[in-house]
Amino acid sequence: MCDNCGCGEKSFDAKVSEVIEQVRPMLQNDGGDIELVGIDEDNTVKVRLQGACRGCPGAAMTLKMGVERLLKERVPEVKEVVAVQ
């Protein structure tokens, strides 16, 4: 539900969290995981890659071409997705 008016619309944070939760099983199938760390004021989404994803040479590609693309598709207000330690 919207944090501001109760209109029934999901908040930006809730939409982002929902997409991250949808991505998690795919990463977990390959021995990895993803954690939503936070969202900046400019709608930059910060995530932490874990397990096999952490340090994987393909992690940057997974992050940008997978997670970021899907997030921007489903939540157009997302500016970008960045990995943090």
C-alpha atoms as a PDB file:
ATOM      1  CA  MET A   1       0.000   0.000   0.000  1.00  0.00           C
ATOM      2  CA  CYS A   2       1.178   3.542  -0.720  1.00  0.00           C
ATOM      3  CA  ASP A   3       2.933   5.015   2.297  1.00  0.00           C
ATOM      4  CA  ASN A   4       1.513   8.466   1.637  1.00  0.00           C
ATOM      5  CA  CYS A   5      -2.178   8.153   0.943  1.00  0.00           C
ATOM      6  CA  GLY A   6      -3.339   4.569   1.462  1.00  0.00           C
ATOM      7  CA  CYS A   7      -4.565   4.320  -2.133  1.00  0.00           C
ATOM      8  CA  GLY A   8      -3.770   0.622  -2.407  1.00  0.00           C
ATOM      9  CA  GLU A   9      -0.813   1.203  -4.737  1.00  0.00           C
ATOM     10  CA  LYS A  10       2.434  -0.442  -3.633  1.00  0.00           C
ATOM     11  CA  SER A  11       5.202   1.907  -2.545  1.00  0.00           C
ATOM     12  CA  PHE A  12       8.371   2.220  -4.624  1.00  0.00           C
ATOM     13  CA  ASP A  13      10.340   0.327  -1.960  1.00  0.00           C
ATOM     14  CA  ALA A  14       7.758  -2.476  -1.885  1.00  0.00           C
ATOM     15  CA  LYS A  15       7.857  -2.826  -5.679  1.00  0.00           C
ATOM     16  CA  VAL A  16      11.661  -3.030  -5.661  1.00  0.00           C
ATOM     17  CA  SER A  17      11.643  -5.583  -2.821  1.00  0.00           C
ATOM     18  CA  GLU A  18       9.097  -7.700  -4.678  1.00  0.00           C
ATOM     19  CA  VAL A  19      11.250  -7.862  -7.820  1.00  0.00           C
ATOM     20  CA  ILE A  20      14.379  -8.688  -5.786  1.00  0.00           C
ATOM     21  CA  GLU A  21      12.477 -11.549  -4.136  1.00  0.00           C
ATOM     22  CA  GLN A  22      11.476 -12.830  -7.588  1.00  0.00           C
ATOM     23  CA  VAL A  23      15.130 -12.788  -8.727  1.00  0.00           C
ATOM     24  CA  ARG A  24      16.501 -14.536  -5.630  1.00  0.00           C
ATOM     25  CA  PRO A  25      15.452 -18.115  -6.535  1.00  0.00           C
ATOM     26  CA  MET A  26      17.254 -17.886  -9.888  1.00  0.00           C
ATOM     27  CA  LEU A  27      20.478 -16.826  -8.184  1.00  0.00           C
ATOM     28  CA  GLN A  28      20.022 -19.391  -5.416  1.00  0.00           C
ATOM     29  CA  ASN A  29      19.750 -22.143  -8.044  1.00  0.00           C
ATOM     30  CA  ASP A  30      23.337 -21.292  -9.033  1.00  0.00           C
ATOM     31  CA  GLY A  31      24.590 -21.163  -5.433  1.00  0.00           C
ATOM     32  CA  GLY A  32      24.295 -17.397  -5.067  1.00  0.00           C
ATOM     33  CA  ASP A  33      21.955 -14.938  -3.469  1.00  0.00           C
ATOM     34  CA  ILE A  34      21.064 -11.252  -3.449  1.00  0.00           C
ATOM     35  CA  GLU A  35      20.160  -8.932  -0.603  1.00  0.00           C
ATOM     36  CA  LEU A  36      18.482  -5.543  -0.936  1.00  0.00           C
ATOM     37  CA  VAL A  37      20.692  -3.165   1.069  1.00  0.00           C
ATOM     38  CA  GLY A  38      18.826   0.064   0.426  1.00  0.00           C
ATOM     39  CA  ILE A  39      17.539   2.648  -2.000  1.00  0.00           C
ATOM     40  CA  ASP A  40      19.073   6.109  -2.369  1.00  0.00           C
ATOM     41  CA  GLU A  41      17.067   9.309  -2.773  1.00  0.00           C
ATOM     42  CA  ASP A  42      17.819   9.285  -6.514  1.00  0.00           C
ATOM     43  CA  ASN A  43      16.264   5.774  -6.822  1.00  0.00           C
ATOM     44  CA  THR A  44      19.592   3.972  -7.088  1.00  0.00           C
ATOM     45  CA  VAL A  45      19.056   0.464  -5.736  1.00  0.00           C
ATOM     46  CA  LYS A  46      21.900  -0.983  -3.660  1.00  0.00           C
ATOM     47  CA  VAL A  47      22.228  -4.753  -3.430  1.00  0.00           C
ATOM     48  CA  ARG A  48      24.722  -7.195  -1.968  1.00  0.00           C
ATOM     49  CA  LEU A  49      25.582 -10.293  -3.970  1.00  0.00           C
ATOM     50  CA  GLN A  50      26.273 -13.327  -1.814  1.00  0.00           C
ATOM     51  CA  GLY A  51      27.370 -16.939  -2.078  1.00  0.00           C
ATOM     52  CA  ALA A  52      28.655 -18.026  -5.469  1.00  0.00           C
ATOM     53  CA  CYS A  53      27.680 -14.630  -6.947  1.00  0.00           C
ATOM     54  CA  ARG A  54      30.175 -12.851  -4.720  1.00  0.00           C
ATOM     55  CA  GLY A  55      33.414 -12.594  -6.638  1.00  0.00           C
ATOM     56  CA  CYS A  56      32.031 -14.396  -9.685  1.00  0.00           C
ATOM     57  CA  PRO A  57      33.423 -12.998 -12.964  1.00  0.00           C
ATOM     58  CA  GLY A  58      29.892 -12.969 -14.398  1.00  0.00           C
ATOM     59  CA  ALA A  59      28.374 -11.124 -11.423  1.00  0.00           C
ATOM     60  CA  ALA A  60      28.617  -7.683 -13.050  1.00  0.00           C
ATOM     61  CA  MET A  61      26.827  -9.004 -16.136  1.00  0.00           C
ATOM     62  CA  THR A  62      24.166 -10.690 -13.997  1.00  0.00           C
ATOM     63  CA  LEU A  63      23.669  -7.490 -12.046  1.00  0.00           C
ATOM     64  CA  LYS A  64      23.341  -5.135 -15.020  1.00  0.00           C
ATOM     65  CA  MET A  65      21.795  -7.351 -17.692  1.00  0.00           C
ATOM     66  CA  GLY A  66      19.645  -9.391 -15.333  1.00  0.00           C
ATOM     67  CA  VAL A  67      18.703  -7.681 -12.097  1.00  0.00           C
ATOM     68  CA  GLU A  68      18.883  -4.056 -13.288  1.00  0.00           C
ATOM     69  CA  ARG A  69      17.094  -4.765 -16.576  1.00  0.00           C
ATOM     70  CA  LEU A  70      14.265  -6.588 -14.808  1.00  0.00           C
ATOM     71  CA  LEU A  71      13.935  -3.928 -12.114  1.00  0.00           C
ATOM     72  CA  LYS A  72      13.796  -1.093 -14.668  1.00  0.00           C
ATOM     73  CA  GLU A  73      11.251  -3.041 -16.696  1.00  0.00           C
ATOM     74  CA  ARG A  74       8.935  -3.576 -13.725  1.00  0.00           C
ATOM     75  CA  VAL A  75       9.736  -0.413 -11.743  1.00  0.00           C
ATOM     76  CA  PRO A  76      10.634   2.263 -14.339  1.00  0.00           C
ATOM     77  CA  GLU A  77      11.575   4.816 -11.669  1.00  0.00           C
ATOM     78  CA  VAL A  78      14.723   2.812 -10.815  1.00  0.00           C
ATOM     79  CA  LYS A  79      17.790   4.799 -11.871  1.00  0.00           C
ATOM     80  CA  GLU A  80      20.351   1.988 -11.617  1.00  0.00           C
ATOM     81  CA  VAL A  81      21.377  -1.015  -9.542  1.00  0.00           C
ATOM     82  CA  VAL A  82      24.774  -1.102  -7.844  1.00  0.00           C
ATOM     83  CA  ALA A  83      26.511  -3.803  -5.828  1.00  0.00           C
ATOM     84  CA  VAL A  84      27.922  -2.923  -2.411  1.00  0.00           C
ATOM     85  CA  GLN A  85      30.083  -4.961  -0.057  1.00  0.00           C
END
